[in-house]
PDB file of N, CA and C in Angstrom:
ATOM      1  N   MET A   1    -234.658  37.682-119.104  1.00  0.00           N
ATOM      2  CA  MET A   1    -235.135  38.839-118.371  1.00  0.00           C
ATOM      3  C   MET A   1    -236.253  38.411-117.432  1.00  0.00           C
ATOM      4  N   ILE A   2    -236.149  38.826-116.187  1.00  0.00           N
ATOM      5  CA  ILE A   2    -237.148  38.471-115.180  1.00  0.00           C
ATOM      6  C   ILE A   2    -238.131  39.619-115.045  1.00  0.00           C
ATOM      7  N   VAL A   3    -239.407  39.290-115.181  1.00  0.00           N
ATOM      8  CA  VAL A   3    -240.456  40.297-115.049  1.00  0.00           C
ATOM      9  C   VAL A   3    -241.191  40.036-113.737  1.00  0.00           C
ATOM     10  N   VAL A   4    -241.255  41.050-112.899  1.00  0.00           N
ATOM     11  CA  VAL A   4    -241.916  40.927-111.604  1.00  0.00           C
ATOM     12  C   VAL A   4    -243.179  41.777-111.633  1.00  0.00           C
ATOM     13  N   ASP A   5    -244.309  41.150-111.364  1.00  0.00           N
ATOM     14  CA  ASP A   5    -245.574  41.875-111.318  1.00  0.00           C
ATOM     15  C   ASP A   5    -245.819  42.323-109.876  1.00  0.00           C
ATOM     16  N   VAL A   6    -245.740  43.607-109.643  1.00  0.00           N
ATOM     17  CA  VAL A   6    -245.876  44.153-108.298  1.00  0.00           C
ATOM     18  C   VAL A   6    -247.269  43.882-107.750  1.00  0.00           C
ATOM     19  N   ASN A   7    -248.287  43.904-108.598  1.00  0.00           N
ATOM     20  CA  ASN A   7    -249.655  43.667-108.128  1.00  0.00           C
ATOM     21  C   ASN A   7    -249.810  42.273-107.546  1.00  0.00           C
ATOM     22  N   VAL A   8    -249.150  41.290-108.157  1.00  0.00           N
ATOM     23  CA  VAL A   8    -249.232  39.917-107.646  1.00  0.00           C
ATOM     24  C   VAL A   8    -248.542  39.834-106.292  1.00  0.00           C
ATOM     25  N   ILE A   9    -247.395  40.462-106.169  1.00  0.00           N
ATOM     26  CA  ILE A   9    -246.666  40.429-104.900  1.00  0.00           C
ATOM     27  C   ILE A   9    -247.473  41.122-103.810  1.00  0.00           C
ATOM     28  N   MET A  10    -248.047  42.274-104.112  1.00  0.00           N
ATOM     29  CA  MET A  10    -248.828  43.005-103.114  1.00  0.00           C
ATOM     30  C   MET A  10    -250.086  42.240-102.722  1.00  0.00           C
ATOM     31  N   ALA A  11    -250.694  41.527-103.658  1.00  0.00           N
ATOM     32  CA  ALA A  11    -251.891  40.753-103.344  1.00  0.00           C
ATOM     33  C   ALA A  11    -251.557  39.617-102.395  1.00  0.00           C
ATOM     34  N   LYS A  12    -250.364  39.049-102.519  1.00  0.00           N
ATOM     35  CA  LYS A  12    -249.971  37.922-101.669  1.00  0.00           C
ATOM     36  C   LYS A  12    -249.455  38.392-100.313  1.00  0.00           C
ATOM     37  N   THR A  13    -248.666  39.452-100.290  1.00  0.00           N
ATOM     38  CA  THR A  13    -248.014  39.865 -99.051  1.00  0.00           C
ATOM     39  C   THR A  13    -248.741  40.990 -98.340  1.00  0.00           C
ATOM     40  N   GLY A  14    -249.417  41.849 -99.055  1.00  0.00           N
ATOM     41  CA  GLY A  14    -250.068  43.001 -98.446  1.00  0.00           C
ATOM     42  C   GLY A  14    -249.081  44.128 -98.247  1.00  0.00           C
ATOM     43  N   MET A  15    -249.599  45.238 -97.805  1.00  0.00           N
ATOM     44  CA  MET A  15    -248.776  46.413 -97.594  1.00  0.00           C
ATOM     45  C   MET A  15    -248.350  46.467 -96.128  1.00  0.00           C
ATOM     46  N   LEU A  16    -247.170  47.015 -95.863  1.00  0.00           N
ATOM     47  CA  LEU A  16    -246.734  47.160 -94.488  1.00  0.00           C
ATOM     48  C   LEU A  16    -247.685  48.085 -93.748  1.00  0.00           C
ATOM     49  N   GLY A  17    -248.140  47.660 -92.590  1.00  0.00           N
ATOM     50  CA  GLY A  17    -249.031  48.483 -91.800  1.00  0.00           C
ATOM     51  C   GLY A  17    -250.436  48.560 -92.346  1.00  0.00           C
ATOM     52  N   GLU A  18    -250.815  47.631 -93.192  1.00  0.00           N
ATOM     53  CA  GLU A  18    -252.123  47.682 -93.855  1.00  0.00           C
ATOM     54  C   GLU A  18    -253.282  47.664 -92.861  1.00  0.00           C
ATOM     55  N   LYS A  19    -253.151  46.894 -91.814  1.00  0.00           N
ATOM     56  CA  LYS A  19    -254.248  46.756 -90.842  1.00  0.00           C
ATOM     57  C   LYS A  19    -254.210  47.843 -89.767  1.00  0.00           C
ATOM     58  N   ASN A  20    -253.085  48.523 -89.642  1.00  0.00           N
ATOM     59  CA  ASN A  20    -252.936  49.501 -88.579  1.00  0.00           C
ATOM     60  C   ASN A  20    -252.592  50.864 -89.182  1.00  0.00           C
ATOM     61  N   PRO A  21    -253.481  51.833 -89.081  1.00  0.00           N
ATOM     62  CA  PRO A  21    -253.223  53.147 -89.675  1.00  0.00           C
ATOM     63  C   PRO A  21    -251.991  53.842 -89.092  1.00  0.00           C
ATOM     64  N   LEU A  22    -251.709  53.622 -87.817  1.00  0.00           N
ATOM     65  CA  LEU A  22    -250.538  54.237 -87.203  1.00  0.00           C
ATOM     66  C   LEU A  22    -249.250  53.684 -87.817  1.00  0.00           C
ATOM     67  N   LEU A  23    -249.180  52.358 -87.983  1.00  0.00           N
ATOM     68  CA  LEU A  23    -247.996  51.758 -88.611  1.00  0.00           C
ATOM     69  C   LEU A  23    -247.845  52.213 -90.053  1.00  0.00           C
ATOM     70  N   GLU A  24    -248.953  52.326 -90.758  1.00  0.00           N
ATOM     71  CA  GLU A  24    -248.901  52.803 -92.138  1.00  0.00           C
ATOM     72  C   GLU A  24    -248.348  54.229 -92.202  1.00  0.00           C
ATOM     73  N   ALA A  25    -248.757  55.074 -91.269  1.00  0.00           N
ATOM     74  CA  ALA A  25    -248.255  56.445 -91.222  1.00  0.00           C
ATOM     75  C   ALA A  25    -246.766  56.475 -90.884  1.00  0.00           C
ATOM     76  N   VAL A  26    -246.350  55.609 -89.969  1.00  0.00           N
ATOM     77  CA  VAL A  26    -244.928  55.552 -89.590  1.00  0.00           C
ATOM     78  C   VAL A  26    -244.090  55.079 -90.769  1.00  0.00           C
ATOM     79  N   TYR A  27    -244.508  54.001 -91.430  1.00  0.00           N
ATOM     80  CA  TYR A  27    -243.756  53.483 -92.579  1.00  0.00           C
ATOM     81  C   TYR A  27    -243.718  54.501 -93.716  1.00  0.00           C
ATOM     82  N   GLY A  28    -244.824  55.175 -93.950  1.00  0.00           N
ATOM     83  CA  GLY A  28    -244.860  56.205 -94.991  1.00  0.00           C
ATOM     84  C   GLY A  28    -243.944  57.368 -94.668  1.00  0.00           C
ATOM     85  N   SER A  29    -243.935  57.775 -93.404  1.00  0.00           N
ATOM     86  CA  SER A  29    -243.064  58.882 -92.992  1.00  0.00           C
ATOM     87  C   SER A  29    -241.591  58.489 -93.102  1.00  0.00           C
ATOM     88  N   LEU A  30    -241.266  57.277 -92.673  1.00  0.00           N
ATOM     89  CA  LEU A  30    -239.874  56.826 -92.752  1.00  0.00           C
ATOM     90  C   LEU A  30    -239.391  56.716 -94.202  1.00  0.00           C
ATOM     91  N   SER A  31    -240.251  56.215 -95.075  1.00  0.00           N
ATOM     92  CA  SER A  31    -239.841  56.114 -96.478  1.00  0.00           C
ATOM     93  C   SER A  31    -239.709  57.495 -97.107  1.00  0.00           C
ATOM     94  N   GLY A  32    -240.562  58.431 -96.720  1.00  0.00           N
ATOM     95  CA  GLY A  32    -240.442  59.797 -97.221  1.00  0.00           C
ATOM     96  C   GLY A  32    -239.172  60.475 -96.737  1.00  0.00           C
ATOM     97  N   MET A  33    -238.816  60.242 -95.476  1.00  0.00           N
ATOM     98  CA  MET A  33    -237.576  60.814 -94.947  1.00  0.00           C
ATOM     99  C   MET A  33    -236.358  60.207 -95.630  1.00  0.00           C
ATOM    100  N   ALA A  34    -236.409  58.904 -95.883  1.00  0.00           N
ATOM    101  CA  ALA A  34    -235.285  58.255 -96.566  1.00  0.00           C
ATOM    102  C   ALA A  34    -235.108  58.831 -97.966  1.00  0.00           C
ATOM    103  N   PHE A  35    -236.212  59.023 -98.684  1.00  0.00           N
ATOM    104  CA  PHE A  35    -236.123  59.625-100.018  1.00  0.00           C
ATOM    105  C   PHE A  35    -235.605  61.048 -99.936  1.00  0.00           C
ATOM    106  N   GLY A  36    -236.078  61.806 -98.966  1.00  0.00           N
ATOM    107  CA  GLY A  36    -235.638  63.185 -98.805  1.00  0.00           C
ATOM    108  C   GLY A  36    -234.155  63.307 -98.487  1.00  0.00           C
ATOM    109  N   LEU A  37    -233.613  62.325 -97.789  1.00  0.00           N
ATOM    110  CA  LEU A  37    -232.184  62.339 -97.469  1.00  0.00           C
ATOM    111  C   LEU A  37    -231.327  61.866 -98.637  1.00  0.00           C
ATOM    112  N   LEU A  38    -231.807  60.880 -99.382  1.00  0.00           N
ATOM    113  CA  LEU A  38    -230.984  60.279-100.431  1.00  0.00           C
ATOM    114  C   LEU A  38    -231.030  61.033-101.759  1.00  0.00           C
ATOM    115  N   SER A  39    -232.131  61.684-102.076  1.00  0.00           N
ATOM    116  CA  SER A  39    -232.226  62.344-103.380  1.00  0.00           C
ATOM    117  C   SER A  39    -231.224  63.489-103.549  1.00  0.00           C
ATOM    118  N   PRO A  40    -230.978  64.334-102.555  1.00  0.00           N
ATOM    119  CA  PRO A  40    -229.935  65.360-102.745  1.00  0.00           C
ATOM    120  C   PRO A  40    -228.541  64.756-102.879  1.00  0.00           C
ATOM    121  N   LEU A  41    -228.287  63.669-102.176  1.00  0.00           N
ATOM    122  CA  LEU A  41    -226.978  63.016-102.282  1.00  0.00           C
ATOM    123  C   LEU A  41    -226.748  62.461-103.681  1.00  0.00           C
ATOM    124  N   ALA A  42    -227.825  61.983-104.301  1.00  0.00           N
ATOM    125  CA  ALA A  42    -227.689  61.425-105.647  1.00  0.00           C
ATOM    126  C   ALA A  42    -227.577  62.516-106.709  1.00  0.00           C
ATOM    127  N   SER A  43    -228.221  63.659-106.502  1.00  0.00           N
ATOM    128  CA  SER A  43    -228.243  64.687-107.546  1.00  0.00           C
ATOM    129  C   SER A  43    -227.157  65.745-107.387  1.00  0.00           C
ATOM    130  N   GLN A  44    -226.524  65.841-106.225  1.00  0.00           N
ATOM    131  CA  GLN A  44    -225.541  66.897-105.977  1.00  0.00           C
ATOM    132  C   GLN A  44    -224.368  66.872-106.947  1.00  0.00           C
ATOM    133  N   PRO A  45    -223.780  65.714-107.281  1.00  0.00           N
ATOM    134  CA  PRO A  45    -222.664  65.742-108.236  1.00  0.00           C
ATOM    135  C   PRO A  45    -223.056  66.322-109.600  1.00  0.00           C
ATOM    136  N   PHE A  46    -224.261  66.029-110.049  1.00  0.00           N
ATOM    137  CA  PHE A  46    -224.717  66.547-111.339  1.00  0.00           C
ATOM    138  C   PHE A  46    -224.931  68.061-111.278  1.00  0.00           C
ATOM    139  N   ASP A  47    -225.436  68.548-110.148  1.00  0.00           N
ATOM    140  CA  ASP A  47    -225.611  69.994-109.983  1.00  0.00           C
ATOM    141  C   ASP A  47    -224.266  70.710-109.981  1.00  0.00           C
ATOM    142  N   THR A  48    -223.268  70.101-109.364  1.00  0.00           N
ATOM    143  CA  THR A  48    -221.934  70.697-109.332  1.00  0.00           C
ATOM    144  C   THR A  48    -221.345  70.790-110.734  1.00  0.00           C
ATOM    145  N   ILE A  49    -221.478  69.725-111.506  1.00  0.00           N
ATOM    146  CA  ILE A  49    -220.970  69.718-112.881  1.00  0.00           C
ATOM    147  C   ILE A  49    -221.691  70.772-113.722  1.00  0.00           C
ATOM    148  N   LYS A  50    -223.009  70.853-113.578  1.00  0.00           N
ATOM    149  CA  LYS A  50    -223.791  71.836-114.339  1.00  0.00           C
ATOM    150  C   LYS A  50    -223.365  73.264-113.997  1.00  0.00           C
ATOM    151  N   THR A  51    -223.166  73.534-112.709  1.00  0.00           N
ATOM    152  CA  THR A  51    -222.762  74.876-112.286  1.00  0.00           C
ATOM    153  C   THR A  51    -221.389  75.236-112.836  1.00  0.00           C
ATOM    154  N   LYS A  52    -220.455  74.301-112.813  1.00  0.00           N
ATOM    155  CA  LYS A  52    -219.114  74.568-113.348  1.00  0.00           C
ATOM    156  C   LYS A  52    -219.163  74.822-114.853  1.00  0.00           C
ATOM    157  N   MET A  53    -219.991  74.062-115.565  1.00  0.00           N
ATOM    158  CA  MET A  53    -220.123  74.268-117.010  1.00  0.00           C
ATOM    159  C   MET A  53    -220.723  75.643-117.308  1.00  0.00           C
ATOM    160  N   GLN A  54    -221.721  76.050-116.527  1.00  0.00           N
ATOM    161  CA  GLN A  54    -222.329  77.362-116.731  1.00  0.00           C
ATOM    162  C   GLN A  54    -221.338  78.483-116.420  1.00  0.00           C
ATOM    163  N   ALA A  55    -220.520  78.299-115.400  1.00  0.00           N
ATOM    164  CA  ALA A  55    -219.544  79.318-115.039  1.00  0.00           C
ATOM    165  C   ALA A  55    -218.469  79.440-116.117  1.00  0.00           C
ATOM    166  N   GLU A  56    -218.063  78.336-116.728  1.00  0.00           N
ATOM    167  CA  GLU A  56    -217.069  78.379-117.794  1.00  0.00           C
ATOM    168  C   GLU A  56    -217.593  79.152-118.997  1.00  0.00           C
ATOM    169  N   VAL A  57    -218.860  78.947-119.342  1.00  0.00           N
ATOM    170  CA  VAL A  57    -219.453  79.661-120.475  1.00  0.00           C
ATOM    171  C   VAL A  57    -219.526  81.150-120.164  1.00  0.00           C
ATOM    172  N   PHE A  58    -219.895  81.510-118.955  1.00  0.00           N
ATOM    173  CA  PHE A  58    -219.993  82.908-118.556  1.00  0.00           C
ATOM    174  C   PHE A  58    -218.611  83.581-118.622  1.00  0.00           C
ATOM    175  N   VAL A  59    -217.593  82.908-118.142  1.00  0.00           N
ATOM    176  CA  VAL A  59    -216.238  83.463-118.153  1.00  0.00           C
ATOM    177  C   VAL A  59    -215.738  83.588-119.590  1.00  0.00           C
ATOM    178  N   ALA A  60    -216.038  82.647-120.432  1.00  0.00           N
ATOM    179  CA  ALA A  60    -215.596  82.687-121.832  1.00  0.00           C
ATOM    180  C   ALA A  60    -216.198  83.892-122.552  1.00  0.00           C
ATOM    181  N   PHE A  61    -217.472  84.184-122.318  1.00  0.00           N
ATOM    182  CA  PHE A  61    -218.117  85.325-122.968  1.00  0.00           C
ATOM    183  C   PHE A  61    -217.682  86.656-122.330  1.00  0.00           C
ATOM    184  N   ALA A  62    -217.360  86.649-121.047  1.00  0.00           N
ATOM    185  CA  ALA A  62    -216.944  87.867-120.364  1.00  0.00           C
ATOM    186  C   ALA A  62    -215.564  88.314-120.810  1.00  0.00           C
ATOM    187  N   ILE A  63    -214.694  87.382-121.156  1.00  0.00           N
ATOM    188  CA  ILE A  63    -213.332  87.720-121.574  1.00  0.00           C
ATOM    189  C   ILE A  63    -213.310  88.302-122.976  1.00  0.00           C
ATOM    190  N   VAL A  64    -214.178  87.785-123.838  1.00  0.00           N
ATOM    191  CA  VAL A  64    -214.149  88.218-125.249  1.00  0.00           C
ATOM    192  C   VAL A  64    -214.643  89.599-125.420  1.00  0.00           C
TER     193      VAL A  64
END
């Protein structure tokens, strides 16, 4: 098992845009937009399954 210490990597390489506040804001905004776009794509199948399961339970109780 390979263990990577993020603090060691950050100490050696630094953060993107560390010296320039504008670049830091751009990189932060781009990473936030990427997360905002990808998180619904990753969670949508699970939401669909959950909704179908809830609808089946509702229909089962409504028929009885």
